[in-house]
């Protein structure tokens, strides 16, 4: 249901957040007004988000983002104006809004997204890393509300992250902070699209879960997982594992427990370094809920330094789902206007 209020009707000024992913672009509106939740009723956006497939090439992506912004504005009704646009991008985004490297956006490097969209739209535009945006959304309106020191880890095709310390979003010297997926956890591990070897995301992402399950299937196990994949072991993906585990399949639960250990290993490394009070787990795999988080919490307690002597670190699921990146991008854009 759409929120009521002065920022939700015709003639209102909105901030538009756009999350650019490897397969889809999602845009939504938040009301511009006094306070962090003005006009949009708290955590949610104004109306339904707009989704389009992510095209190939720089110009096509810029055109698609512009079209999403316009579609969001039109959906708000006559007289609605866009006061700010925020864009979340996958990869290294510097403090000037330049996407330096984006492994999930093929052949798009060193693109000044903020400047080019600002020129195209005639509106103030900011650009940040997508998981950084999602962290801010969860801190302001989701699972990390009220936490002074928190981190977000997104488990999807790869792994992204965001950090809040002392109540402030941390971007690092260049804007590149919080790329935990590329911590090396096994120097002899599989190659990563980033060019390295043994990165955490090769083991603890959706891709990693699928690889673990295919190994089991090729060893003659995981019959239910393979059945859900249409009978072809090479077609097994992470979602087949979680679906079989939700049915109570013992082999799927075993695969998920092995996967949870890898997730917990990376979380323990991050907690040892950053000492947050709270870890939020987002991304598509977070939809598995306690089916995944329970074994992660169990393994984490054994892996983190001083696990039985330090205050408990809460590991919770994200609240805002697929809209988190766009909500955070809109909030950050509104803050800078």
C-alpha atoms as a PDB file:
ATOM      1  CA  UNK A   1       0.000   0.000   0.000  1.00  0.00           C
ATOM      2  CA  UNK A   2       1.300   3.475  -0.845  1.00  0.00           C
ATOM      3  CA  UNK A   3       1.998   5.822   2.027  1.00  0.00           C
ATOM      4  CA  UNK A   4      -0.086   8.904   2.597  1.00  0.00           C
ATOM      5  CA  UNK A   5       1.436  12.320   3.206  1.00  0.00           C
ATOM      6  CA  UNK A   6       2.578  15.471   1.466  1.00  0.00           C
ATOM      7  CA  UNK A   7       5.502  13.705  -0.236  1.00  0.00           C
ATOM      8  CA  UNK A   8       3.337  11.045  -1.850  1.00  0.00           C
ATOM      9  CA  UNK A   9       0.926  13.074  -3.948  1.00  0.00           C
ATOM     10  CA  UNK A  10       1.029  15.066  -7.198  1.00  0.00           C
ATOM     11  CA  UNK A  11       3.375  18.032  -7.133  1.00  0.00           C
ATOM     12  CA  UNK A  12       5.659  16.441  -4.549  1.00  0.00           C
ATOM     13  CA  UNK A  13       9.429  16.380  -4.775  1.00  0.00           C
ATOM     14  CA  UNK A  14      11.031  12.956  -4.584  1.00  0.00           C
ATOM     15  CA  UNK A  15      14.437  11.334  -4.365  1.00  0.00           C
ATOM     16  CA  UNK A  16      14.848   8.409  -6.760  1.00  0.00           C
ATOM     17  CA  UNK A  17      17.110   5.513  -5.861  1.00  0.00           C
ATOM     18  CA  UNK A  18      18.337   3.157  -8.568  1.00  0.00           C
ATOM     19  CA  UNK A  19      20.102  -0.146  -7.941  1.00  0.00           C
ATOM     20  CA  UNK A  20      22.032  -1.364 -10.983  1.00  0.00           C
ATOM     21  CA  UNK A  21      22.626  -5.100 -10.886  1.00  0.00           C
ATOM     22  CA  UNK A  22      24.162  -7.568 -13.277  1.00  0.00           C
ATOM     23  CA  UNK A  23      20.745  -8.740 -14.480  1.00  0.00           C
ATOM     24  CA  UNK A  24      18.238  -6.049 -13.492  1.00  0.00           C
ATOM     25  CA  UNK A  25      17.930  -2.355 -12.708  1.00  0.00           C
ATOM     26  CA  UNK A  26      15.490  -1.437  -9.924  1.00  0.00           C
ATOM     27  CA  UNK A  27      14.293   2.086  -9.165  1.00  0.00           C
ATOM     28  CA  UNK A  28      12.006   3.552  -6.518  1.00  0.00           C
ATOM     29  CA  UNK A  29      10.996   6.850  -4.934  1.00  0.00           C
ATOM     30  CA  UNK A  30      11.360   8.232  -1.447  1.00  0.00           C
ATOM     31  CA  UNK A  31       9.810  11.475  -0.316  1.00  0.00           C
ATOM     32  CA  UNK A  32      12.054  14.503   0.142  1.00  0.00           C
ATOM     33  CA  UNK A  33      11.189  16.368   3.340  1.00  0.00           C
ATOM     34  CA  UNK A  34      12.131  16.921   6.938  1.00  0.00           C
ATOM     35  CA  UNK A  35      13.686  13.913   8.677  1.00  0.00           C
ATOM     36  CA  UNK A  36      14.939  10.574   7.393  1.00  0.00           C
ATOM     37  CA  UNK A  37      11.492   9.063   6.803  1.00  0.00           C
ATOM     38  CA  UNK A  38       9.522  12.046   5.554  1.00  0.00           C
ATOM     39  CA  UNK A  39       6.610  11.123   3.368  1.00  0.00           C
ATOM     40  CA  UNK A  40       7.247   7.449   2.787  1.00  0.00           C
ATOM     41  CA  UNK A  41       5.948   5.836   5.934  1.00  0.00           C
ATOM     42  CA  UNK A  42       9.219   4.497   7.318  1.00  0.00           C
ATOM     43  CA  UNK A  43      11.081   1.637   5.664  1.00  0.00           C
ATOM     44  CA  UNK A  44       9.159   1.419   2.395  1.00  0.00           C
ATOM     45  CA  UNK A  45       9.219   3.406  -0.797  1.00  0.00           C
ATOM     46  CA  UNK A  46       6.488   5.478  -2.398  1.00  0.00           C
ATOM     47  CA  UNK A  47       4.637   3.002  -4.559  1.00  0.00           C
ATOM     48  CA  UNK A  48       5.927  -0.076  -6.336  1.00  0.00           C
ATOM     49  CA  UNK A  49       9.483  -0.214  -7.672  1.00  0.00           C
ATOM     50  CA  UNK A  50      10.242  -0.137 -11.402  1.00  0.00           C
ATOM     51  CA  UNK A  51      12.339  -2.992 -12.813  1.00  0.00           C
ATOM     52  CA  UNK A  52      13.995  -3.417 -16.196  1.00  0.00           C
ATOM     53  CA  UNK A  53      16.632  -5.883 -17.462  1.00  0.00           C
ATOM     54  CA  UNK A  54      20.211  -4.624 -17.374  1.00  0.00           C
ATOM     55  CA  UNK A  55      21.384  -4.062 -20.963  1.00  0.00           C
ATOM     56  CA  UNK A  56      24.933  -4.389 -22.286  1.00  0.00           C
ATOM     57  CA  UNK A  57      27.253  -1.438 -22.792  1.00  0.00           C
ATOM     58  CA  UNK A  58      27.811   1.885 -21.056  1.00  0.00           C
ATOM     59  CA  UNK A  59      25.435   3.999 -23.121  1.00  0.00           C
ATOM     60  CA  UNK A  60      22.656   1.436 -22.895  1.00  0.00           C
ATOM     61  CA  UNK A  61      22.982   1.202 -19.095  1.00  0.00           C
ATOM     62  CA  UNK A  62      22.954   5.004 -18.739  1.00  0.00           C
ATOM     63  CA  UNK A  63      19.873   5.206 -20.971  1.00  0.00           C
ATOM     64  CA  UNK A  64      18.136   2.474 -18.966  1.00  0.00           C
ATOM     65  CA  UNK A  65      18.849   4.233 -15.657  1.00  0.00           C
ATOM     66  CA  UNK A  66      17.461   7.471 -17.083  1.00  0.00           C
ATOM     67  CA  UNK A  67      14.355   5.661 -18.287  1.00  0.00           C
ATOM     68  CA  UNK A  68      13.830   4.093 -14.851  1.00  0.00           C
ATOM     69  CA  UNK A  69      14.115   7.495 -13.152  1.00  0.00           C
ATOM     70  CA  UNK A  70      11.534   8.928 -15.534  1.00  0.00           C
ATOM     71  CA  UNK A  71       9.202   5.953 -15.057  1.00  0.00           C
ATOM     72  CA  UNK A  72       9.386   6.363 -11.280  1.00  0.00           C
ATOM     73  CA  UNK A  73       8.608  10.093 -11.617  1.00  0.00           C
ATOM     74  CA  UNK A  74       5.656   9.528 -13.949  1.00  0.00           C
ATOM     75  CA  UNK A  75       4.224   6.905 -11.618  1.00  0.00           C
ATOM     76  CA  UNK A  76       4.037   9.515  -8.845  1.00  0.00           C
ATOM     77  CA  UNK A  77       1.538  11.574 -10.856  1.00  0.00           C
ATOM     78  CA  UNK A  78       1.287  15.005 -12.493  1.00  0.00           C
ATOM     79  CA  UNK A  79       3.602  17.700 -11.200  1.00  0.00           C
ATOM     80  CA  UNK A  80       5.929  15.342  -9.350  1.00  0.00           C
ATOM     81  CA  UNK A  81       9.554  16.471  -9.586  1.00  0.00           C
ATOM     82  CA  UNK A  82      12.816  14.635  -8.956  1.00  0.00           C
ATOM     83  CA  UNK A  83      14.999  16.541  -6.515  1.00  0.00           C
ATOM     84  CA  UNK A  84      17.845  14.029  -6.300  1.00  0.00           C
ATOM     85  CA  UNK A  85      18.935  10.725  -7.821  1.00  0.00           C
ATOM     86  CA  UNK A  86      21.128   8.127  -6.147  1.00  0.00           C
ATOM     87  CA  UNK A  87      22.604   5.160  -7.982  1.00  0.00           C
ATOM     88  CA  UNK A  88      24.044   1.987  -6.460  1.00  0.00           C
ATOM     89  CA  UNK A  89      26.584   0.201  -8.644  1.00  0.00           C
ATOM     90  CA  UNK A  90      28.306  -3.180  -8.276  1.00  0.00           C
ATOM     91  CA  UNK A  91      32.059  -2.704  -7.988  1.00  0.00           C
ATOM     92  CA  UNK A  92      34.590  -0.082  -6.963  1.00  0.00           C
ATOM     93  CA  UNK A  93      32.903   3.337  -7.013  1.00  0.00           C
ATOM     94  CA  UNK A  94      35.108   6.282  -6.053  1.00  0.00           C
ATOM     95  CA  UNK A  95      34.086   9.382  -4.152  1.00  0.00           C
ATOM     96  CA  UNK A  96      33.370  11.247  -7.393  1.00  0.00           C
ATOM     97  CA  UNK A  97      30.860   8.626  -8.501  1.00  0.00           C
ATOM     98  CA  UNK A  98      33.146   6.948 -11.034  1.00  0.00           C
ATOM     99  CA  UNK A  99      32.749   3.185 -11.417  1.00  0.00           C
ATOM    100  CA  UNK A 100      36.382   2.101 -11.647  1.00  0.00           C
ATOM    101  CA  UNK A 101      35.793  -1.649 -11.933  1.00  0.00           C
ATOM    102  CA  UNK A 102      32.495  -3.506 -12.125  1.00  0.00           C
ATOM    103  CA  UNK A 103      33.004  -7.266 -12.619  1.00  0.00           C
ATOM    104  CA  UNK A 104      29.261  -7.883 -12.959  1.00  0.00           C
ATOM    105  CA  UNK A 105      28.859  -5.196 -15.640  1.00  0.00           C
ATOM    106  CA  UNK A 106      30.820  -6.546 -18.580  1.00  0.00           C
ATOM    107  CA  UNK A 107      33.363  -4.186 -20.158  1.00  0.00           C
ATOM    108  CA  UNK A 108      32.289  -1.214 -18.047  1.00  0.00           C
ATOM    109  CA  UNK A 109      35.323   0.361 -16.375  1.00  0.00           C
ATOM    110  CA  UNK A 110      36.288   3.919 -15.418  1.00  0.00           C
ATOM    111  CA  UNK A 111      32.834   5.326 -16.196  1.00  0.00           C
ATOM    112  CA  UNK A 112      31.808   8.621 -14.562  1.00  0.00           C
ATOM    113  CA  UNK A 113      28.264   7.472 -13.819  1.00  0.00           C
ATOM    114  CA  UNK A 114      27.325  10.360 -11.526  1.00  0.00           C
ATOM    115  CA  UNK A 115      28.594  13.084 -13.875  1.00  0.00           C
ATOM    116  CA  UNK A 116      27.133  11.530 -17.027  1.00  0.00           C
ATOM    117  CA  UNK A 117      23.732  10.942 -15.439  1.00  0.00           C
ATOM    118  CA  UNK A 118      23.747  14.453 -13.964  1.00  0.00           C
ATOM    119  CA  UNK A 119      24.280  15.859 -17.459  1.00  0.00           C
ATOM    120  CA  UNK A 120      21.629  13.569 -18.946  1.00  0.00           C
ATOM    121  CA  UNK A 121      18.958  14.171 -16.284  1.00  0.00           C
ATOM    122  CA  UNK A 122      19.648  17.763 -15.263  1.00  0.00           C
ATOM    123  CA  UNK A 123      19.269  16.661 -11.629  1.00  0.00           C
ATOM    124  CA  UNK A 124      21.762  16.203  -8.762  1.00  0.00           C
ATOM    125  CA  UNK A 125      23.076  12.627  -8.983  1.00  0.00           C
ATOM    126  CA  UNK A 126      25.261  10.629  -6.591  1.00  0.00           C
ATOM    127  CA  UNK A 127      26.697   7.159  -7.126  1.00  0.00           C
ATOM    128  CA  UNK A 128      27.969   4.668  -4.561  1.00  0.00           C
ATOM    129  CA  UNK A 129      28.703   0.981  -4.290  1.00  0.00           C
ATOM    130  CA  UNK A 130      25.437  -0.991  -4.192  1.00  0.00           C
ATOM    131  CA  UNK A 131      26.181  -2.834  -0.950  1.00  0.00           C
ATOM    132  CA  UNK A 132      27.289   0.416   0.703  1.00  0.00           C
ATOM    133  CA  UNK A 133      23.864   1.791  -0.205  1.00  0.00           C
ATOM    134  CA  UNK A 134      22.170  -1.312   1.175  1.00  0.00           C
ATOM    135  CA  UNK A 135      24.116  -1.013   4.434  1.00  0.00           C
ATOM    136  CA  UNK A 136      22.890   2.546   4.889  1.00  0.00           C
ATOM    137  CA  UNK A 137      19.309   1.509   4.180  1.00  0.00           C
ATOM    138  CA  UNK A 138      19.464  -1.300   6.744  1.00  0.00           C
ATOM    139  CA  UNK A 139      21.076   1.065   9.267  1.00  0.00           C
ATOM    140  CA  UNK A 140      18.472   3.768   8.795  1.00  0.00           C
ATOM    141  CA  UNK A 141      15.365   1.643   8.269  1.00  0.00           C
ATOM    142  CA  UNK A 142      16.117  -2.046   8.568  1.00  0.00           C
ATOM    143  CA  UNK A 143      17.803  -4.667  10.714  1.00  0.00           C
ATOM    144  CA  UNK A 144      20.647  -2.404  11.875  1.00  0.00           C
ATOM    145  CA  UNK A 145      18.498   0.438  13.204  1.00  0.00           C
ATOM    146  CA  UNK A 146      20.025   1.852  16.386  1.00  0.00           C
ATOM    147  CA  UNK A 147      23.385   0.094  15.966  1.00  0.00           C
ATOM    148  CA  UNK A 148      26.472   2.299  16.170  1.00  0.00           C
ATOM    149  CA  UNK A 149      28.840  -0.351  14.805  1.00  0.00           C
ATOM    150  CA  UNK A 150      27.483  -2.762  12.230  1.00  0.00           C
ATOM    151  CA  UNK A 151      28.325  -4.443   8.988  1.00  0.00           C
ATOM    152  CA  UNK A 152      26.324  -5.846   6.103  1.00  0.00           C
ATOM    153  CA  UNK A 153      27.342  -8.816   3.987  1.00  0.00           C
ATOM    154  CA  UNK A 154      25.304  -9.577   0.873  1.00  0.00           C
ATOM    155  CA  UNK A 155      25.365 -13.184  -0.323  1.00  0.00           C
ATOM    156  CA  UNK A 156      24.299 -13.362  -3.937  1.00  0.00           C
ATOM    157  CA  UNK A 157      26.102 -14.313  -7.141  1.00  0.00           C
ATOM    158  CA  UNK A 158      29.097 -12.726  -5.406  1.00  0.00           C
ATOM    159  CA  UNK A 159      29.585 -11.112  -1.993  1.00  0.00           C
ATOM    160  CA  UNK A 160      29.304  -7.406  -1.214  1.00  0.00           C
ATOM    161  CA  UNK A 161      29.551  -5.485   2.014  1.00  0.00           C
ATOM    162  CA  UNK A 162      29.062  -2.248   3.890  1.00  0.00           C
ATOM    163  CA  UNK A 163      30.337  -0.855   7.187  1.00  0.00           C
ATOM    164  CA  UNK A 164      28.913   1.576   9.737  1.00  0.00           C
ATOM    165  CA  UNK A 165      31.296   2.602  12.524  1.00  0.00           C
ATOM    166  CA  UNK A 166      30.402   5.075  15.243  1.00  0.00           C
ATOM    167  CA  UNK A 167      27.060   5.570  13.488  1.00  0.00           C
ATOM    168  CA  UNK A 168      28.722   6.775  10.265  1.00  0.00           C
ATOM    169  CA  UNK A 169      28.968   5.034   6.909  1.00  0.00           C
ATOM    170  CA  UNK A 170      32.560   4.077   6.087  1.00  0.00           C
ATOM    171  CA  UNK A 171      33.761   4.422   2.502  1.00  0.00           C
ATOM    172  CA  UNK A 172      37.550   4.429   2.953  1.00  0.00           C
ATOM    173  CA  UNK A 173      40.098   6.803   1.435  1.00  0.00           C
ATOM    174  CA  UNK A 174      38.911   6.288  -2.136  1.00  0.00           C
ATOM    175  CA  UNK A 175      35.371   5.039  -1.616  1.00  0.00           C
ATOM    176  CA  UNK A 176      36.380   1.401  -2.090  1.00  0.00           C
ATOM    177  CA  UNK A 177      35.907   0.112   1.474  1.00  0.00           C
ATOM    178  CA  UNK A 178      34.032  -3.120   2.241  1.00  0.00           C
ATOM    179  CA  UNK A 179      34.734  -5.579  -0.560  1.00  0.00           C
ATOM    180  CA  UNK A 180      34.853  -8.646   1.689  1.00  0.00           C
ATOM    181  CA  UNK A 181      34.098 -11.079  -1.114  1.00  0.00           C
ATOM    182  CA  UNK A 182      37.671 -10.720  -2.280  1.00  0.00           C
ATOM    183  CA  UNK A 183      39.373 -11.607   0.975  1.00  0.00           C
ATOM    184  CA  UNK A 184      41.558 -14.619   0.183  1.00  0.00           C
ATOM    185  CA  UNK A 185      40.536 -17.557   2.372  1.00  0.00           C
ATOM    186  CA  UNK A 186      42.353 -20.262   0.390  1.00  0.00           C
ATOM    187  CA  UNK A 187      45.364 -19.200  -1.721  1.00  0.00           C
ATOM    188  CA  UNK A 188      45.153 -22.544  -3.553  1.00  0.00           C
ATOM    189  CA  UNK A 189      41.412 -22.217  -4.146  1.00  0.00           C
ATOM    190  CA  UNK A 190      39.518 -21.710  -7.418  1.00  0.00           C
ATOM    191  CA  UNK A 191      40.076 -18.748  -9.692  1.00  0.00           C
ATOM    192  CA  UNK A 192      37.874 -15.689  -9.161  1.00  0.00           C
ATOM    193  CA  UNK A 193      36.523 -13.328 -11.851  1.00  0.00           C
ATOM    194  CA  UNK A 194      38.491 -10.555 -10.118  1.00  0.00           C
ATOM    195  CA  UNK A 195      41.697 -12.261 -11.288  1.00  0.00           C
ATOM    196  CA  UNK A 196      42.651 -13.644  -7.889  1.00  0.00           C
ATOM    197  CA  UNK A 197      42.456 -17.141  -6.467  1.00  0.00           C
ATOM    198  CA  UNK A 198      40.614 -18.487  -3.441  1.00  0.00           C
ATOM    199  CA  UNK A 199      38.487 -15.400  -2.737  1.00  0.00           C
ATOM    200  CA  UNK A 200      35.814 -15.788  -0.067  1.00  0.00           C
ATOM    201  CA  UNK A 201      33.011 -15.354  -2.580  1.00  0.00           C
ATOM    202  CA  UNK A 202      34.151 -18.452  -4.478  1.00  0.00           C
ATOM    203  CA  UNK A 203      33.102 -20.445  -1.393  1.00  0.00           C
ATOM    204  CA  UNK A 204      30.401 -18.418   0.390  1.00  0.00           C
ATOM    205  CA  UNK A 205      28.267 -16.915  -2.395  1.00  0.00           C
ATOM    206  CA  UNK A 206      25.358 -18.455  -4.266  1.00  0.00           C
ATOM    207  CA  UNK A 207      27.910 -19.505  -6.870  1.00  0.00           C
ATOM    208  CA  UNK A 208      29.948 -21.194  -4.154  1.00  0.00           C
ATOM    209  CA  UNK A 209      26.919 -23.046  -2.786  1.00  0.00           C
ATOM    210  CA  UNK A 210      26.123 -24.350  -6.255  1.00  0.00           C
ATOM    211  CA  UNK A 211      29.715 -25.519  -6.708  1.00  0.00           C
ATOM    212  CA  UNK A 212      29.688 -27.388  -3.367  1.00  0.00           C
ATOM    213  CA  UNK A 213      26.438 -29.111  -4.342  1.00  0.00           C
ATOM    214  CA  UNK A 214      27.702 -30.063  -7.809  1.00  0.00           C
ATOM    215  CA  UNK A 215      30.759 -31.647  -6.213  1.00  0.00           C
ATOM    216  CA  UNK A 216      28.443 -33.743  -4.031  1.00  0.00           C
ATOM    217  CA  UNK A 217      26.254 -34.633  -6.988  1.00  0.00           C
ATOM    218  CA  UNK A 218      29.230 -35.704  -9.096  1.00  0.00           C
ATOM    219  CA  UNK A 219      30.273 -37.952  -6.191  1.00  0.00           C
ATOM    220  CA  UNK A 220      26.942 -39.765  -6.470  1.00  0.00           C
ATOM    221  CA  UNK A 221      25.180 -37.960  -3.631  1.00  0.00           C
ATOM    222  CA  UNK A 222      22.595 -35.154  -3.351  1.00  0.00           C
ATOM    223  CA  UNK A 223      19.874 -37.045  -5.243  1.00  0.00           C
ATOM    224  CA  UNK A 224      17.059 -34.684  -4.239  1.00  0.00           C
ATOM    225  CA  UNK A 225      19.097 -31.610  -5.157  1.00  0.00           C
ATOM    226  CA  UNK A 226      19.815 -33.075  -8.585  1.00  0.00           C
ATOM    227  CA  UNK A 227      16.148 -33.965  -9.037  1.00  0.00           C
ATOM    228  CA  UNK A 228      15.157 -30.351  -8.363  1.00  0.00           C
ATOM    229  CA  UNK A 229      17.706 -29.295 -11.006  1.00  0.00           C
ATOM    230  CA  UNK A 230      15.937 -31.429 -13.607  1.00  0.00           C
ATOM    231  CA  UNK A 231      18.132 -34.487 -13.166  1.00  0.00           C
ATOM    232  CA  UNK A 232      21.335 -32.861 -14.444  1.00  0.00           C
ATOM    233  CA  UNK A 233      24.124 -32.531 -11.864  1.00  0.00           C
ATOM    234  CA  UNK A 234      25.785 -29.751 -13.855  1.00  0.00           C
ATOM    235  CA  UNK A 235      22.583 -27.700 -13.682  1.00  0.00           C
ATOM    236  CA  UNK A 236      22.578 -27.637  -9.864  1.00  0.00           C
ATOM    237  CA  UNK A 237      22.489 -24.117  -8.399  1.00  0.00           C
ATOM    238  CA  UNK A 238      22.309 -22.698  -4.901  1.00  0.00           C
ATOM    239  CA  UNK A 239      18.527 -22.336  -5.001  1.00  0.00           C
ATOM    240  CA  UNK A 240      18.164 -26.090  -5.545  1.00  0.00           C
ATOM    241  CA  UNK A 241      20.137 -26.711  -2.360  1.00  0.00           C
ATOM    242  CA  UNK A 242      18.024 -24.383  -0.227  1.00  0.00           C
ATOM    243  CA  UNK A 243      14.804 -25.787  -1.698  1.00  0.00           C
ATOM    244  CA  UNK A 244      15.840 -29.363  -0.883  1.00  0.00           C
ATOM    245  CA  UNK A 245      17.018 -28.326   2.586  1.00  0.00           C
ATOM    246  CA  UNK A 246      13.663 -26.658   3.237  1.00  0.00           C
ATOM    247  CA  UNK A 247      12.053 -30.038   2.510  1.00  0.00           C
ATOM    248  CA  UNK A 248      14.268 -31.585   5.181  1.00  0.00           C
ATOM    249  CA  UNK A 249      16.525 -33.508   2.809  1.00  0.00           C
ATOM    250  CA  UNK A 250      19.479 -34.741   4.879  1.00  0.00           C
ATOM    251  CA  UNK A 251      22.083 -34.447   2.112  1.00  0.00           C
ATOM    252  CA  UNK A 252      20.995 -30.907   1.284  1.00  0.00           C
ATOM    253  CA  UNK A 253      21.195 -29.943   4.956  1.00  0.00           C
ATOM    254  CA  UNK A 254      24.717 -31.356   5.050  1.00  0.00           C
ATOM    255  CA  UNK A 255      25.754 -29.310   2.018  1.00  0.00           C
ATOM    256  CA  UNK A 256      24.195 -26.225   3.582  1.00  0.00           C
ATOM    257  CA  UNK A 257      26.108 -26.851   6.836  1.00  0.00           C
ATOM    258  CA  UNK A 258      29.399 -27.065   4.901  1.00  0.00           C
ATOM    259  CA  UNK A 259      28.496 -23.849   3.101  1.00  0.00           C
ATOM    260  CA  UNK A 260      27.558 -22.146   6.380  1.00  0.00           C
ATOM    261  CA  UNK A 261      31.054 -22.910   7.705  1.00  0.00           C
ATOM    262  CA  UNK A 262      32.581 -20.952   4.822  1.00  0.00           C
ATOM    263  CA  UNK A 263      30.194 -18.066   5.426  1.00  0.00           C
ATOM    264  CA  UNK A 264      31.059 -18.089   9.132  1.00  0.00           C
ATOM    265  CA  UNK A 265      34.798 -18.172   8.398  1.00  0.00           C
ATOM    266  CA  UNK A 266      34.606 -14.904   6.482  1.00  0.00           C
ATOM    267  CA  UNK A 267      32.320 -13.307   9.061  1.00  0.00           C
ATOM    268  CA  UNK A 268      34.752 -14.296  11.835  1.00  0.00           C
ATOM    269  CA  UNK A 269      37.631 -12.668   9.950  1.00  0.00           C
ATOM    270  CA  UNK A 270      35.614  -9.477   9.518  1.00  0.00           C
ATOM    271  CA  UNK A 271      34.477  -9.392  13.142  1.00  0.00           C
ATOM    272  CA  UNK A 272      38.054  -9.968  14.331  1.00  0.00           C
ATOM    273  CA  UNK A 273      39.059  -6.915  12.291  1.00  0.00           C
ATOM    274  CA  UNK A 274      36.124  -4.543  12.824  1.00  0.00           C
ATOM    275  CA  UNK A 275      34.487  -5.623  16.108  1.00  0.00           C
ATOM    276  CA  UNK A 276      30.873  -4.749  15.164  1.00  0.00           C
ATOM    277  CA  UNK A 277      27.960  -5.361  17.503  1.00  0.00           C
ATOM    278  CA  UNK A 278      25.802  -6.620  14.648  1.00  0.00           C
ATOM    279  CA  UNK A 279      26.205  -8.400  11.312  1.00  0.00           C
ATOM    280  CA  UNK A 280      23.362  -8.159   8.803  1.00  0.00           C
ATOM    281  CA  UNK A 281      23.237 -10.869   6.151  1.00  0.00           C
ATOM    282  CA  UNK A 282      21.473  -9.845   2.956  1.00  0.00           C
ATOM    283  CA  UNK A 283      21.344 -10.875  -0.681  1.00  0.00           C
ATOM    284  CA  UNK A 284      19.349 -13.653  -2.265  1.00  0.00           C
ATOM    285  CA  UNK A 285      20.665 -16.375   0.043  1.00  0.00           C
ATOM    286  CA  UNK A 286      19.356 -14.502   3.086  1.00  0.00           C
ATOM    287  CA  UNK A 287      15.873 -15.558   1.953  1.00  0.00           C
ATOM    288  CA  UNK A 288      16.701 -18.981   3.406  1.00  0.00           C
ATOM    289  CA  UNK A 289      16.395 -17.402   6.875  1.00  0.00           C
ATOM    290  CA  UNK A 290      17.399 -19.524   9.853  1.00  0.00           C
ATOM    291  CA  UNK A 291      17.866 -22.527   7.597  1.00  0.00           C
ATOM    292  CA  UNK A 292      21.167 -20.820   6.737  1.00  0.00           C
ATOM    293  CA  UNK A 293      21.683 -18.409   9.621  1.00  0.00           C
ATOM    294  CA  UNK A 294      21.391 -20.997  12.388  1.00  0.00           C
ATOM    295  CA  UNK A 295      24.375 -23.092  11.190  1.00  0.00           C
ATOM    296  CA  UNK A 296      26.273 -19.876  10.389  1.00  0.00           C
ATOM    297  CA  UNK A 297      25.811 -18.658  13.973  1.00  0.00           C
ATOM    298  CA  UNK A 298      26.861 -22.044  15.327  1.00  0.00           C
ATOM    299  CA  UNK A 299      30.071 -22.179  13.271  1.00  0.00           C
ATOM    300  CA  UNK A 300      30.828 -18.491  13.868  1.00  0.00           C
ATOM    301  CA  UNK A 301      30.985 -18.996  17.631  1.00  0.00           C
ATOM    302  CA  UNK A 302      33.761 -21.558  17.139  1.00  0.00           C
ATOM    303  CA  UNK A 303      35.700 -19.546  14.554  1.00  0.00           C
ATOM    304  CA  UNK A 304      35.737 -15.987  15.918  1.00  0.00           C
ATOM    305  CA  UNK A 305      38.573 -15.098  18.268  1.00  0.00           C
ATOM    306  CA  UNK A 306      37.529 -15.453  21.918  1.00  0.00           C
ATOM    307  CA  UNK A 307      34.064 -16.574  20.972  1.00  0.00           C
ATOM    308  CA  UNK A 308      33.161 -17.721  24.485  1.00  0.00           C
ATOM    309  CA  UNK A 309      34.666 -14.634  26.162  1.00  0.00           C
ATOM    310  CA  UNK A 310      33.533 -11.695  24.022  1.00  0.00           C
ATOM    311  CA  UNK A 311      30.064 -10.097  23.989  1.00  0.00           C
ATOM    312  CA  UNK A 312      27.790 -11.878  21.558  1.00  0.00           C
ATOM    313  CA  UNK A 313      27.750 -10.545  18.005  1.00  0.00           C
ATOM    314  CA  UNK A 314      24.231 -10.702  16.599  1.00  0.00           C
ATOM    315  CA  UNK A 315      23.963 -12.216  13.116  1.00  0.00           C
ATOM    316  CA  UNK A 316      20.594 -11.333  11.614  1.00  0.00           C
ATOM    317  CA  UNK A 317      18.869 -11.345   8.264  1.00  0.00           C
ATOM    318  CA  UNK A 318      18.309  -8.144   6.313  1.00  0.00           C
ATOM    319  CA  UNK A 319      14.821  -6.637   6.425  1.00  0.00           C
ATOM    320  CA  UNK A 320      14.584  -4.642   3.211  1.00  0.00           C
ATOM    321  CA  UNK A 321      15.193  -7.367   0.644  1.00  0.00           C
ATOM    322  CA  UNK A 322      15.852  -6.478  -2.968  1.00  0.00           C
ATOM    323  CA  UNK A 323      14.876  -2.838  -2.402  1.00  0.00           C
ATOM    324  CA  UNK A 324      17.690  -2.134   0.097  1.00  0.00           C
ATOM    325  CA  UNK A 325      20.214  -0.873  -2.451  1.00  0.00           C
ATOM    326  CA  UNK A 326      17.773   1.525  -4.106  1.00  0.00           C
ATOM    327  CA  UNK A 327      16.433   2.773  -0.744  1.00  0.00           C
ATOM    328  CA  UNK A 328      19.969   3.445   0.461  1.00  0.00           C
ATOM    329  CA  UNK A 329      20.923   5.182  -2.775  1.00  0.00           C
ATOM    330  CA  UNK A 330      17.892   7.475  -2.464  1.00  0.00           C
ATOM    331  CA  UNK A 331      18.645   8.243   1.187  1.00  0.00           C
ATOM    332  CA  UNK A 332      22.278   9.096   0.411  1.00  0.00           C
ATOM    333  CA  UNK A 333      21.251  11.281  -2.528  1.00  0.00           C
ATOM    334  CA  UNK A 334      18.718  13.125  -0.369  1.00  0.00           C
ATOM    335  CA  UNK A 335      21.333  13.674   2.346  1.00  0.00           C
ATOM    336  CA  UNK A 336      23.639  15.392  -0.154  1.00  0.00           C
ATOM    337  CA  UNK A 337      21.067  17.821  -1.556  1.00  0.00           C
END
